[in-house]
Amino acid sequence: MKKTVVSIALASSLALTGCTVDPYTGEKKVSKAAIGAGLGAILGAAVSSKKDRGKGALIGAALGGGTGYYFDRQEKKLREELANTGISVTRTPEGIQLNMPGQISFPSSQYALMPSLYETLDSVALVFKEFDKTDVRISGHTDSSGSEGLNQVLSQQRASSVMKYFASQGVETARMSSVGYGERYPVESNSTKQGRAANRRVEIQILNPEVSQ
């Protein structure tokens, strides 16, 4: 019983030391790395022999926290690089998502990237190369204006343009994929100008390779 309590105490300690402050709300939260480390500590202690139980807990903590910590670091770096660029960074259950609004990325009805975006994408590419154990899925989206067929083609072309740019900056093509969804997945109503603008976007998902399969 005492050993179980020690394991739980270790997990709790790891969780407390893994608290971070949300930069937008000021709210304290436990990072995914800390949660993973805590669970890993319990599992490591549970499967270890009596003699090595403490060591097993620490090993389990390292294994459990590895993926979460990796994404925590990458998210932090992306937020630093993309501050005030208009590209948002969102943590998701699968990894990290970047949202590129169409109005800052492409001329109207075109798929060639705006040159003003190159420097920002160069910074993103550097982060991708630094954190090279993740997959990158790029998806293009449009509003519902115009032909559905043309929107589908345009969304695919825009996603491909972003992927090709990253490849030109040295990001491995084997890690990346691109897809166009046309007008199928709006994030806001197409009945307003603001809604249509929000729906014209490219999303970049940064994923654990096991999740992206």
N, C-alpha and C. Protein backbone atom coordinates (compact mmCIF):
# COMPACT_ATOMS: atom_id res chain seq x y z
N MET A 1 0.84 -1.20 0.00
CA MET A 1 0.00 0.00 0.00
C MET A 1 0.88 1.25 0.00
N LYS A 2 1.95 1.22 0.83
CA LYS A 2 2.84 2.36 0.92
C LYS A 2 3.48 2.64 -0.43
N LYS A 3 3.84 1.56 -1.15
CA LYS A 3 4.51 1.74 -2.44
C LYS A 3 3.56 2.34 -3.46
N THR A 4 2.29 1.97 -3.37
CA THR A 4 1.31 2.56 -4.28
C THR A 4 1.16 4.04 -4.02
N VAL A 5 1.13 4.39 -2.73
CA VAL A 5 1.01 5.80 -2.35
C VAL A 5 2.21 6.59 -2.85
N VAL A 6 3.41 6.00 -2.74
CA VAL A 6 4.62 6.66 -3.21
C VAL A 6 4.52 6.93 -4.71
N SER A 7 4.01 5.93 -5.46
CA SER A 7 3.89 6.08 -6.90
C SER A 7 2.94 7.20 -7.25
N ILE A 8 1.81 7.25 -6.56
CA ILE A 8 0.82 8.29 -6.82
C ILE A 8 1.37 9.65 -6.42
N ALA A 9 2.12 9.68 -5.32
CA ALA A 9 2.72 10.94 -4.88
C ALA A 9 3.71 11.46 -5.90
N LEU A 10 4.49 10.54 -6.47
CA LEU A 10 5.44 10.93 -7.50
C LEU A 10 4.72 11.49 -8.71
N ALA A 11 3.65 10.82 -9.11
CA ALA A 11 2.88 11.29 -10.26
C ALA A 11 2.29 12.66 -9.99
N SER A 12 1.79 12.86 -8.76
CA SER A 12 1.21 14.16 -8.41
C SER A 12 2.27 15.25 -8.43
N SER A 13 3.45 14.90 -7.93
CA SER A 13 4.54 15.87 -7.92
C SER A 13 4.93 16.28 -9.32
N LEU A 14 4.98 15.30 -10.22
CA LEU A 14 5.31 15.60 -11.61
C LEU A 14 4.27 16.50 -12.23
N ALA A 15 3.01 16.23 -11.92
CA ALA A 15 1.92 17.04 -12.48
C ALA A 15 2.01 18.48 -11.99
N LEU A 16 2.32 18.65 -10.69
CA LEU A 16 2.39 20.00 -10.13
C LEU A 16 3.54 20.79 -10.73
N THR A 17 4.68 20.12 -10.90
CA THR A 17 5.82 20.83 -11.47
C THR A 17 5.62 21.09 -12.95
N GLY A 18 4.66 20.40 -13.56
CA GLY A 18 4.41 20.59 -14.99
C GLY A 18 3.33 21.60 -15.26
N CYS A 19 2.91 22.38 -14.26
CA CYS A 19 1.88 23.40 -14.47
C CYS A 19 2.43 24.53 -15.33
N THR A 20 1.60 25.00 -16.25
CA THR A 20 1.96 26.14 -17.08
C THR A 20 0.85 27.17 -16.99
N VAL A 21 1.12 28.37 -17.44
CA VAL A 21 0.12 29.43 -17.44
C VAL A 21 -0.29 29.72 -18.88
N ASP A 22 -1.59 29.63 -19.16
CA ASP A 22 -2.11 29.92 -20.49
C ASP A 22 -1.81 31.38 -20.81
N PRO A 23 -1.09 31.65 -21.93
CA PRO A 23 -0.70 33.03 -22.23
C PRO A 23 -1.86 33.94 -22.58
N TYR A 24 -3.02 33.35 -22.88
CA TYR A 24 -4.17 34.15 -23.29
C TYR A 24 -5.14 34.39 -22.14
N THR A 25 -5.32 33.40 -21.28
CA THR A 25 -6.30 33.53 -20.20
C THR A 25 -5.67 33.76 -18.84
N GLY A 26 -4.37 33.47 -18.71
CA GLY A 26 -3.71 33.57 -17.42
C GLY A 26 -4.03 32.40 -16.51
N GLU A 27 -4.76 31.42 -17.03
CA GLU A 27 -5.18 30.27 -16.23
C GLU A 27 -4.05 29.26 -16.10
N LYS A 28 -3.86 28.74 -14.89
CA LYS A 28 -2.87 27.69 -14.69
C LYS A 28 -3.43 26.36 -15.18
N LYS A 29 -2.60 25.60 -15.86
CA LYS A 29 -3.05 24.29 -16.35
C LYS A 29 -1.88 23.33 -16.31
N VAL A 30 -2.20 22.04 -16.29
CA VAL A 30 -1.18 21.01 -16.30
C VAL A 30 -0.90 20.65 -17.74
N SER A 31 0.36 20.70 -18.14
CA SER A 31 0.70 20.42 -19.52
C SER A 31 0.48 18.95 -19.82
N LYS A 32 0.29 18.64 -21.11
CA LYS A 32 0.11 17.25 -21.53
C LYS A 32 1.34 16.43 -21.20
N ALA A 33 2.50 17.07 -21.23
CA ALA A 33 3.72 16.34 -20.88
C ALA A 33 3.67 15.87 -19.44
N ALA A 34 3.20 16.75 -18.55
CA ALA A 34 3.14 16.39 -17.13
C ALA A 34 2.12 15.29 -16.89
N ILE A 35 0.98 15.37 -17.59
CA ILE A 35 -0.03 14.32 -17.45
C ILE A 35 0.54 12.99 -17.90
N GLY A 36 1.20 13.01 -19.06
CA GLY A 36 1.79 11.78 -19.57
C GLY A 36 2.86 11.24 -18.65
N ALA A 37 3.65 12.15 -18.09
CA ALA A 37 4.70 11.72 -17.17
C ALA A 37 4.11 11.10 -15.92
N GLY A 38 3.03 11.69 -15.41
CA GLY A 38 2.40 11.15 -14.20
C GLY A 38 1.86 9.76 -14.43
N LEU A 39 1.16 9.57 -15.54
CA LEU A 39 0.63 8.24 -15.86
C LEU A 39 1.77 7.26 -16.08
N GLY A 40 2.81 7.73 -16.74
CA GLY A 40 3.96 6.85 -16.97
C GLY A 40 4.61 6.43 -15.68
N ALA A 41 4.66 7.34 -14.72
CA ALA A 41 5.26 7.02 -13.42
C ALA A 41 4.48 5.92 -12.73
N ILE A 42 3.15 6.02 -12.74
CA ILE A 42 2.32 4.99 -12.10
C ILE A 42 2.51 3.65 -12.78
N LEU A 43 2.49 3.66 -14.13
CA LEU A 43 2.66 2.41 -14.86
C LEU A 43 4.04 1.82 -14.63
N GLY A 44 5.05 2.70 -14.64
CA GLY A 44 6.40 2.21 -14.44
C GLY A 44 6.58 1.57 -13.09
N ALA A 45 5.98 2.17 -12.06
CA ALA A 45 6.08 1.61 -10.72
C ALA A 45 5.30 0.32 -10.61
N ALA A 46 4.17 0.24 -11.29
CA ALA A 46 3.31 -0.94 -11.19
C ALA A 46 3.97 -2.18 -11.77
N VAL A 47 4.73 -2.01 -12.85
CA VAL A 47 5.28 -3.19 -13.51
C VAL A 47 6.68 -3.54 -13.03
N SER A 48 7.30 -2.69 -12.25
CA SER A 48 8.67 -2.96 -11.81
C SER A 48 8.70 -3.93 -10.64
N SER A 49 9.86 -4.54 -10.46
CA SER A 49 10.06 -5.41 -9.32
C SER A 49 10.15 -4.56 -8.06
N LYS A 50 10.04 -5.19 -6.91
CA LYS A 50 10.13 -4.47 -5.64
C LYS A 50 11.45 -3.72 -5.53
N LYS A 51 12.52 -4.35 -5.97
CA LYS A 51 13.85 -3.76 -5.83
C LYS A 51 14.00 -2.52 -6.70
N ASP A 52 13.41 -2.56 -7.89
CA ASP A 52 13.62 -1.48 -8.86
C ASP A 52 12.38 -0.62 -9.05
N ARG A 53 11.46 -0.65 -8.09
CA ARG A 53 10.19 0.04 -8.27
C ARG A 53 10.39 1.55 -8.46
N GLY A 54 11.27 2.16 -7.67
CA GLY A 54 11.50 3.60 -7.80
C GLY A 54 12.08 3.95 -9.15
N LYS A 55 13.04 3.14 -9.61
CA LYS A 55 13.64 3.37 -10.92
C LYS A 55 12.59 3.21 -12.02
N GLY A 56 11.73 2.20 -11.85
CA GLY A 56 10.68 1.97 -12.86
C GLY A 56 9.74 3.14 -12.96
N ALA A 57 9.43 3.76 -11.82
CA ALA A 57 8.54 4.92 -11.84
C ALA A 57 9.16 6.07 -12.62
N LEU A 58 10.46 6.30 -12.43
CA LEU A 58 11.12 7.39 -13.12
C LEU A 58 11.23 7.12 -14.61
N ILE A 59 11.53 5.86 -14.97
CA ILE A 59 11.60 5.50 -16.38
C ILE A 59 10.23 5.67 -17.03
N GLY A 60 9.21 5.20 -16.32
CA GLY A 60 7.85 5.34 -16.85
C GLY A 60 7.47 6.79 -17.04
N ALA A 61 7.91 7.64 -16.12
CA ALA A 61 7.61 9.08 -16.24
C ALA A 61 8.26 9.65 -17.49
N ALA A 62 9.49 9.24 -17.74
CA ALA A 62 10.18 9.75 -18.93
C ALA A 62 9.49 9.30 -20.21
N LEU A 63 9.09 8.01 -20.24
CA LEU A 63 8.41 7.49 -21.42
C LEU A 63 7.05 8.14 -21.61
N GLY A 64 6.32 8.26 -20.52
CA GLY A 64 4.98 8.83 -20.61
C GLY A 64 4.99 10.28 -21.01
N GLY A 65 6.00 11.03 -20.58
CA GLY A 65 6.04 12.45 -20.85
C GLY A 65 6.71 12.82 -22.15
N GLY A 66 7.36 11.86 -22.82
CA GLY A 66 8.15 12.17 -24.00
C GLY A 66 7.39 12.87 -25.10
N THR A 67 6.30 12.25 -25.56
CA THR A 67 5.55 12.81 -26.68
C THR A 67 4.93 14.14 -26.33
N GLY A 68 4.29 14.22 -25.16
CA GLY A 68 3.67 15.46 -24.75
C GLY A 68 4.67 16.59 -24.63
N TYR A 69 5.82 16.31 -24.07
CA TYR A 69 6.86 17.32 -23.90
C TYR A 69 7.38 17.80 -25.26
N TYR A 70 7.52 16.87 -26.18
CA TYR A 70 7.99 17.19 -27.54
C TYR A 70 7.03 18.18 -28.20
N PHE A 71 5.72 17.91 -28.08
CA PHE A 71 4.72 18.80 -28.66
C PHE A 71 4.65 20.12 -27.90
N ASP A 72 4.83 20.09 -26.58
CA ASP A 72 4.83 21.32 -25.79
C ASP A 72 5.93 22.27 -26.28
N ARG A 73 7.11 21.72 -26.50
CA ARG A 73 8.24 22.53 -26.96
C ARG A 73 7.99 23.09 -28.35
N GLN A 74 7.44 22.23 -29.22
CA GLN A 74 7.17 22.68 -30.59
C GLN A 74 6.08 23.76 -30.62
N GLU A 75 5.05 23.56 -29.81
CA GLU A 75 3.98 24.56 -29.73
C GLU A 75 4.54 25.91 -29.26
N LYS A 76 5.38 25.88 -28.24
CA LYS A 76 5.97 27.12 -27.71
C LYS A 76 6.78 27.84 -28.78
N LYS A 77 7.56 27.08 -29.52
CA LYS A 77 8.40 27.67 -30.57
C LYS A 77 7.54 28.27 -31.67
N LEU A 78 6.48 27.57 -32.06
CA LEU A 78 5.60 28.07 -33.11
C LEU A 78 4.88 29.35 -32.67
N ARG A 79 4.44 29.38 -31.42
CA ARG A 79 3.77 30.58 -30.92
C ARG A 79 4.72 31.79 -30.95
N GLU A 80 5.96 31.54 -30.62
CA GLU A 80 6.95 32.63 -30.64
C GLU A 80 7.16 33.12 -32.07
N GLU A 81 7.30 32.19 -33.01
CA GLU A 81 7.58 32.56 -34.39
C GLU A 81 6.38 33.21 -35.09
N LEU A 82 5.17 32.83 -34.69
CA LEU A 82 3.97 33.27 -35.41
C LEU A 82 3.21 34.39 -34.70
N ALA A 83 3.75 34.90 -33.62
CA ALA A 83 3.09 36.00 -32.91
C ALA A 83 2.92 37.19 -33.85
N ASN A 84 1.71 37.73 -33.88
CA ASN A 84 1.39 38.93 -34.67
C ASN A 84 1.51 38.73 -36.18
N THR A 85 1.41 37.49 -36.65
CA THR A 85 1.48 37.23 -38.10
C THR A 85 0.10 37.02 -38.72
N GLY A 86 -0.91 36.80 -37.88
CA GLY A 86 -2.24 36.47 -38.39
C GLY A 86 -2.49 34.99 -38.50
N ILE A 87 -1.45 34.18 -38.31
CA ILE A 87 -1.59 32.72 -38.33
C ILE A 87 -1.74 32.24 -36.89
N SER A 88 -2.82 31.54 -36.61
CA SER A 88 -3.10 31.09 -35.24
C SER A 88 -2.50 29.72 -34.98
N VAL A 89 -2.20 29.47 -33.72
CA VAL A 89 -1.66 28.19 -33.26
C VAL A 89 -2.62 27.62 -32.23
N THR A 90 -3.10 26.40 -32.46
CA THR A 90 -4.06 25.77 -31.56
C THR A 90 -3.57 24.38 -31.19
N ARG A 91 -3.58 24.05 -29.91
CA ARG A 91 -3.25 22.70 -29.47
C ARG A 91 -4.50 21.84 -29.58
N THR A 92 -4.38 20.69 -30.20
CA THR A 92 -5.50 19.77 -30.39
C THR A 92 -5.17 18.43 -29.75
N PRO A 93 -6.17 17.55 -29.57
CA PRO A 93 -5.87 16.22 -29.03
C PRO A 93 -4.88 15.44 -29.89
N GLU A 94 -4.85 15.73 -31.19
CA GLU A 94 -3.97 15.00 -32.10
C GLU A 94 -2.58 15.61 -32.21
N GLY A 95 -2.45 16.89 -31.85
CA GLY A 95 -1.15 17.55 -31.99
C GLY A 95 -1.29 19.06 -31.95
N ILE A 96 -0.90 19.73 -33.04
CA ILE A 96 -0.93 21.19 -33.13
C ILE A 96 -1.53 21.57 -34.48
N GLN A 97 -2.34 22.61 -34.50
CA GLN A 97 -2.93 23.08 -35.76
C GLN A 97 -2.62 24.55 -35.98
N LEU A 98 -2.16 24.86 -37.19
CA LEU A 98 -1.95 26.24 -37.61
C LEU A 98 -3.05 26.61 -38.59
N ASN A 99 -3.58 27.81 -38.46
CA ASN A 99 -4.63 28.27 -39.37
C ASN A 99 -4.14 29.48 -40.14
N MET A 100 -4.07 29.35 -41.48
CA MET A 100 -3.64 30.43 -42.35
C MET A 100 -4.86 31.04 -43.03
N PRO A 101 -5.31 32.21 -42.62
CA PRO A 101 -6.46 32.84 -43.29
C PRO A 101 -6.14 33.15 -44.75
N GLY A 102 -7.13 32.93 -45.62
CA GLY A 102 -6.91 33.13 -47.04
C GLY A 102 -6.50 34.54 -47.41
N GLN A 103 -7.03 35.54 -46.69
CA GLN A 103 -6.77 36.93 -47.08
C GLN A 103 -5.34 37.36 -46.88
N ILE A 104 -4.58 36.66 -46.04
CA ILE A 104 -3.17 37.01 -45.85
C ILE A 104 -2.25 36.03 -46.57
N SER A 105 -2.83 35.02 -47.22
CA SER A 105 -2.03 33.95 -47.80
C SER A 105 -2.03 33.92 -49.33
N PHE A 106 -3.19 34.23 -49.93
CA PHE A 106 -3.34 34.11 -51.38
C PHE A 106 -4.13 35.29 -51.95
N PRO A 107 -3.80 35.74 -53.18
CA PRO A 107 -4.68 36.69 -53.86
C PRO A 107 -6.03 36.02 -54.13
N SER A 108 -7.06 36.82 -54.28
CA SER A 108 -8.41 36.30 -54.49
C SER A 108 -8.47 35.34 -55.67
N SER A 109 -9.04 34.15 -55.42
CA SER A 109 -9.26 33.12 -56.45
C SER A 109 -7.98 32.58 -57.06
N GLN A 110 -6.84 32.78 -56.42
CA GLN A 110 -5.57 32.27 -56.92
C GLN A 110 -4.93 31.34 -55.90
N TYR A 111 -3.94 30.57 -56.36
CA TYR A 111 -3.30 29.62 -55.45
C TYR A 111 -1.80 29.89 -55.26
N ALA A 112 -1.28 30.93 -55.91
CA ALA A 112 0.12 31.29 -55.69
C ALA A 112 0.22 32.05 -54.37
N LEU A 113 1.15 31.65 -53.52
CA LEU A 113 1.32 32.29 -52.22
C LEU A 113 1.71 33.75 -52.36
N MET A 114 1.20 34.59 -51.47
CA MET A 114 1.63 35.98 -51.44
C MET A 114 3.09 36.06 -50.98
N PRO A 115 3.94 36.79 -51.69
CA PRO A 115 5.34 36.93 -51.28
C PRO A 115 5.51 37.45 -49.86
N SER A 116 4.56 38.24 -49.39
CA SER A 116 4.65 38.78 -48.03
C SER A 116 4.60 37.69 -46.97
N LEU A 117 4.17 36.48 -47.36
CA LEU A 117 4.05 35.37 -46.41
C LEU A 117 5.32 34.53 -46.34
N TYR A 118 6.23 34.72 -47.29
CA TYR A 118 7.40 33.85 -47.37
C TYR A 118 8.21 33.82 -46.08
N GLU A 119 8.48 34.98 -45.53
CA GLU A 119 9.32 35.04 -44.33
C GLU A 119 8.68 34.28 -43.17
N THR A 120 7.35 34.40 -43.05
CA THR A 120 6.65 33.68 -41.98
C THR A 120 6.74 32.18 -42.20
N LEU A 121 6.50 31.74 -43.43
CA LEU A 121 6.58 30.30 -43.72
C LEU A 121 8.00 29.78 -43.58
N ASP A 122 8.99 30.62 -43.86
CA ASP A 122 10.38 30.22 -43.64
C ASP A 122 10.61 29.88 -42.16
N SER A 123 10.04 30.69 -41.27
CA SER A 123 10.18 30.45 -39.84
C SER A 123 9.50 29.15 -39.43
N VAL A 124 8.31 28.89 -40.00
CA VAL A 124 7.60 27.65 -39.71
C VAL A 124 8.41 26.45 -40.20
N ALA A 125 8.98 26.57 -41.39
CA ALA A 125 9.78 25.48 -41.94
C ALA A 125 10.97 25.16 -41.04
N LEU A 126 11.59 26.17 -40.47
CA LEU A 126 12.72 25.94 -39.56
C LEU A 126 12.28 25.15 -38.33
N VAL A 127 11.09 25.47 -37.82
CA VAL A 127 10.57 24.73 -36.67
C VAL A 127 10.28 23.28 -37.07
N PHE A 128 9.70 23.09 -38.24
CA PHE A 128 9.42 21.73 -38.71
C PHE A 128 10.70 20.91 -38.83
N LYS A 129 11.76 21.54 -39.28
CA LYS A 129 13.03 20.82 -39.44
C LYS A 129 13.69 20.54 -38.09
N GLU A 130 13.48 21.45 -37.14
CA GLU A 130 14.03 21.22 -35.79
C GLU A 130 13.29 20.08 -35.10
N PHE A 131 11.96 20.06 -35.24
CA PHE A 131 11.14 19.01 -34.64
C PHE A 131 10.71 18.06 -35.76
N ASP A 132 11.63 17.20 -36.16
CA ASP A 132 11.41 16.41 -37.38
C ASP A 132 10.81 15.03 -37.13
N LYS A 133 10.25 14.81 -35.92
CA LYS A 133 9.64 13.51 -35.63
C LYS A 133 8.12 13.54 -35.79
N THR A 134 7.61 14.60 -36.41
CA THR A 134 6.17 14.73 -36.58
C THR A 134 5.81 14.70 -38.06
N ASP A 135 4.54 14.41 -38.35
CA ASP A 135 4.02 14.50 -39.71
C ASP A 135 3.27 15.81 -39.87
N VAL A 136 3.18 16.28 -41.10
CA VAL A 136 2.52 17.56 -41.40
C VAL A 136 1.44 17.32 -42.44
N ARG A 137 0.19 17.60 -42.07
CA ARG A 137 -0.94 17.42 -42.98
C ARG A 137 -1.52 18.80 -43.31
N ILE A 138 -1.55 19.14 -44.59
CA ILE A 138 -1.98 20.47 -45.03
C ILE A 138 -3.30 20.35 -45.78
N SER A 139 -4.31 21.10 -45.34
CA SER A 139 -5.63 21.02 -45.98
C SER A 139 -6.11 22.40 -46.40
N GLY A 140 -6.64 22.47 -47.63
CA GLY A 140 -7.17 23.72 -48.15
C GLY A 140 -8.68 23.76 -48.04
N HIS A 141 -9.23 24.95 -47.76
CA HIS A 141 -10.68 25.12 -47.58
C HIS A 141 -11.11 26.42 -48.26
N THR A 142 -12.35 26.44 -48.76
CA THR A 142 -12.91 27.64 -49.37
C THR A 142 -14.26 27.97 -48.75
N ASP A 143 -14.81 29.12 -49.15
CA ASP A 143 -16.20 29.40 -48.79
C ASP A 143 -17.10 28.78 -49.86
N SER A 144 -18.39 29.08 -49.80
CA SER A 144 -19.33 28.44 -50.72
C SER A 144 -19.63 29.29 -51.95
N SER A 145 -18.92 30.40 -52.12
CA SER A 145 -19.13 31.24 -53.30
C SER A 145 -18.61 30.53 -54.55
N GLY A 146 -19.35 30.66 -55.65
CA GLY A 146 -18.88 30.09 -56.90
C GLY A 146 -19.17 28.61 -57.02
N SER A 147 -18.54 27.99 -58.01
CA SER A 147 -18.76 26.59 -58.33
C SER A 147 -18.13 25.66 -57.30
N GLU A 148 -18.88 24.66 -56.89
CA GLU A 148 -18.34 23.69 -55.93
C GLU A 148 -17.12 22.97 -56.51
N GLY A 149 -17.18 22.65 -57.80
CA GLY A 149 -16.06 21.97 -58.43
C GLY A 149 -14.81 22.83 -58.48
N LEU A 150 -14.97 24.10 -58.82
CA LEU A 150 -13.83 25.01 -58.85
C LEU A 150 -13.26 25.24 -57.46
N ASN A 151 -14.14 25.31 -56.47
CA ASN A 151 -13.68 25.47 -55.09
C ASN A 151 -12.85 24.28 -54.64
N GLN A 152 -13.26 23.09 -55.06
CA GLN A 152 -12.52 21.88 -54.71
C GLN A 152 -11.10 21.94 -55.29
N VAL A 153 -11.03 22.31 -56.56
CA VAL A 153 -9.73 22.39 -57.23
C VAL A 153 -8.85 23.46 -56.59
N LEU A 154 -9.44 24.63 -56.32
CA LEU A 154 -8.68 25.73 -55.73
C LEU A 154 -8.14 25.36 -54.35
N SER A 155 -8.96 24.69 -53.55
CA SER A 155 -8.51 24.31 -52.21
C SER A 155 -7.34 23.33 -52.27
N GLN A 156 -7.38 22.40 -53.23
CA GLN A 156 -6.28 21.45 -53.38
C GLN A 156 -5.01 22.17 -53.86
N GLN A 157 -5.18 23.09 -54.80
CA GLN A 157 -4.03 23.82 -55.32
C GLN A 157 -3.36 24.65 -54.23
N ARG A 158 -4.16 25.26 -53.38
CA ARG A 158 -3.59 26.08 -52.30
C ARG A 158 -2.85 25.23 -51.28
N ALA A 159 -3.43 24.09 -50.92
CA ALA A 159 -2.74 23.18 -49.99
C ALA A 159 -1.43 22.69 -50.60
N SER A 160 -1.46 22.38 -51.89
CA SER A 160 -0.25 21.91 -52.57
C SER A 160 0.81 23.00 -52.63
N SER A 161 0.38 24.25 -52.82
CA SER A 161 1.33 25.36 -52.86
C SER A 161 2.08 25.50 -51.55
N VAL A 162 1.36 25.36 -50.45
CA VAL A 162 2.00 25.46 -49.13
C VAL A 162 2.97 24.31 -48.93
N MET A 163 2.55 23.10 -49.29
CA MET A 163 3.42 21.94 -49.13
C MET A 163 4.69 22.09 -49.98
N LYS A 164 4.52 22.54 -51.22
CA LYS A 164 5.68 22.71 -52.10
C LYS A 164 6.64 23.77 -51.56
N TYR A 165 6.08 24.81 -50.95
CA TYR A 165 6.95 25.84 -50.39
C TYR A 165 7.77 25.27 -49.23
N PHE A 166 7.12 24.52 -48.36
CA PHE A 166 7.87 23.91 -47.25
C PHE A 166 8.95 22.97 -47.78
N ALA A 167 8.62 22.21 -48.83
CA ALA A 167 9.61 21.31 -49.42
C ALA A 167 10.80 22.10 -49.97
N SER A 168 10.52 23.26 -50.57
CA SER A 168 11.60 24.09 -51.12
C SER A 168 12.51 24.64 -50.02
N GLN A 169 12.00 24.66 -48.79
CA GLN A 169 12.78 25.13 -47.64
C GLN A 169 13.42 23.99 -46.86
N GLY A 170 13.35 22.78 -47.42
CA GLY A 170 14.07 21.66 -46.83
C GLY A 170 13.27 20.74 -45.93
N VAL A 171 11.95 20.93 -45.84
CA VAL A 171 11.13 20.00 -45.05
C VAL A 171 10.91 18.74 -45.88
N GLU A 172 11.15 17.58 -45.31
CA GLU A 172 11.07 16.32 -46.05
C GLU A 172 9.65 16.08 -46.56
N THR A 173 9.54 15.79 -47.86
CA THR A 173 8.22 15.56 -48.45
C THR A 173 7.57 14.29 -47.90
N ALA A 174 8.39 13.34 -47.45
CA ALA A 174 7.84 12.09 -46.90
C ALA A 174 7.03 12.34 -45.64
N ARG A 175 7.28 13.44 -44.96
CA ARG A 175 6.54 13.77 -43.73
C ARG A 175 5.24 14.49 -44.02
N MET A 176 5.07 14.99 -45.25
CA MET A 176 3.96 15.89 -45.53
C MET A 176 2.93 15.28 -46.46
N SER A 177 1.71 15.77 -46.35
CA SER A 177 0.63 15.42 -47.28
C SER A 177 -0.26 16.64 -47.44
N SER A 178 -0.95 16.73 -48.58
CA SER A 178 -1.86 17.85 -48.81
C SER A 178 -3.17 17.34 -49.37
N VAL A 179 -4.24 18.04 -49.03
CA VAL A 179 -5.58 17.64 -49.48
C VAL A 179 -6.44 18.89 -49.59
N GLY A 180 -7.38 18.88 -50.53
CA GLY A 180 -8.33 19.97 -50.66
C GLY A 180 -9.72 19.51 -50.28
N TYR A 181 -10.40 20.29 -49.46
CA TYR A 181 -11.75 19.93 -49.03
C TYR A 181 -12.81 20.87 -49.60
N GLY A 182 -12.40 21.83 -50.42
CA GLY A 182 -13.36 22.74 -51.00
C GLY A 182 -14.17 23.46 -49.93
N GLU A 183 -15.49 23.45 -50.10
CA GLU A 183 -16.38 24.16 -49.18
C GLU A 183 -17.03 23.24 -48.16
N ARG A 184 -16.53 22.01 -48.04
CA ARG A 184 -17.21 21.00 -47.22
C ARG A 184 -17.14 21.23 -45.72
N TYR A 185 -16.10 21.89 -45.23
CA TYR A 185 -15.92 22.01 -43.79
C TYR A 185 -15.80 23.47 -43.35
N PRO A 186 -16.89 24.22 -43.41
CA PRO A 186 -16.83 25.61 -42.95
C PRO A 186 -16.68 25.68 -41.44
N VAL A 187 -15.98 26.70 -40.98
CA VAL A 187 -15.86 26.93 -39.54
C VAL A 187 -16.85 27.99 -39.07
N GLU A 188 -17.39 28.76 -40.02
CA GLU A 188 -18.42 29.75 -39.72
C GLU A 188 -19.45 29.75 -40.84
N SER A 189 -20.54 30.46 -40.64
CA SER A 189 -21.60 30.53 -41.64
C SER A 189 -21.12 31.28 -42.89
N ASN A 190 -21.49 30.76 -44.05
CA ASN A 190 -21.16 31.44 -45.30
C ASN A 190 -22.13 32.56 -45.63
N SER A 191 -23.07 32.83 -44.74
CA SER A 191 -24.08 33.85 -45.00
C SER A 191 -23.58 35.27 -44.71
N THR A 192 -22.41 35.38 -44.09
CA THR A 192 -21.85 36.69 -43.78
C THR A 192 -20.47 36.84 -44.42
N LYS A 193 -20.06 38.08 -44.64
CA LYS A 193 -18.75 38.36 -45.21
C LYS A 193 -17.64 37.85 -44.30
N GLN A 194 -17.81 38.07 -42.99
CA GLN A 194 -16.80 37.62 -42.03
C GLN A 194 -16.72 36.09 -42.00
N GLY A 195 -17.88 35.44 -42.10
CA GLY A 195 -17.90 33.99 -42.10
C GLY A 195 -17.20 33.42 -43.32
N ARG A 196 -17.47 34.00 -44.48
CA ARG A 196 -16.83 33.52 -45.71
C ARG A 196 -15.32 33.71 -45.64
N ALA A 197 -14.90 34.84 -45.08
CA ALA A 197 -13.46 35.09 -44.94
C ALA A 197 -12.80 34.05 -44.04
N ALA A 198 -13.49 33.68 -42.95
CA ALA A 198 -12.95 32.67 -42.03
C ALA A 198 -12.86 31.30 -42.69
N ASN A 199 -13.77 31.01 -43.60
CA ASN A 199 -13.80 29.70 -44.24
C ASN A 199 -12.74 29.55 -45.32
N ARG A 200 -12.26 30.66 -45.85
CA ARG A 200 -11.18 30.61 -46.85
C ARG A 200 -9.85 30.52 -46.09
N ARG A 201 -9.31 29.34 -46.02
CA ARG A 201 -8.15 29.14 -45.15
C ARG A 201 -7.37 27.90 -45.57
N VAL A 202 -6.15 27.81 -45.07
CA VAL A 202 -5.36 26.58 -45.14
C VAL A 202 -5.01 26.19 -43.71
N GLU A 203 -5.28 24.95 -43.38
CA GLU A 203 -4.95 24.43 -42.05
C GLU A 203 -3.74 23.51 -42.15
N ILE A 204 -2.83 23.66 -41.21
CA ILE A 204 -1.64 22.82 -41.15
C ILE A 204 -1.68 22.06 -39.84
N GLN A 205 -1.82 20.76 -39.93
CA GLN A 205 -1.86 19.91 -38.73
C GLN A 205 -0.51 19.25 -38.53
N ILE A 206 0.01 19.36 -37.33
CA ILE A 206 1.28 18.74 -36.96
C ILE A 206 0.94 17.57 -36.05
N LEU A 207 1.27 16.37 -36.50
CA LEU A 207 0.74 15.17 -35.87
C LEU A 207 1.83 14.19 -35.47
N ASN A 208 1.52 13.42 -34.44
CA ASN A 208 2.32 12.24 -34.13
C ASN A 208 2.14 11.27 -35.29
N PRO A 209 3.23 10.72 -35.87
CA PRO A 209 3.08 9.80 -37.01
C PRO A 209 2.13 8.65 -36.75
N GLU A 210 2.02 8.19 -35.49
CA GLU A 210 1.10 7.09 -35.19
C GLU A 210 -0.35 7.53 -35.34
N VAL A 211 -0.63 8.82 -35.10
CA VAL A 211 -1.99 9.34 -35.21
C VAL A 211 -2.34 9.61 -36.66
N SER A 212 -1.36 10.04 -37.46
CA SER A 212 -1.64 10.48 -38.82
C SER A 212 -1.80 9.33 -39.80
N GLN A 213 -1.49 8.11 -39.39
CA GLN A 213 -1.62 6.97 -40.30
C GLN A 213 -3.08 6.68 -40.61
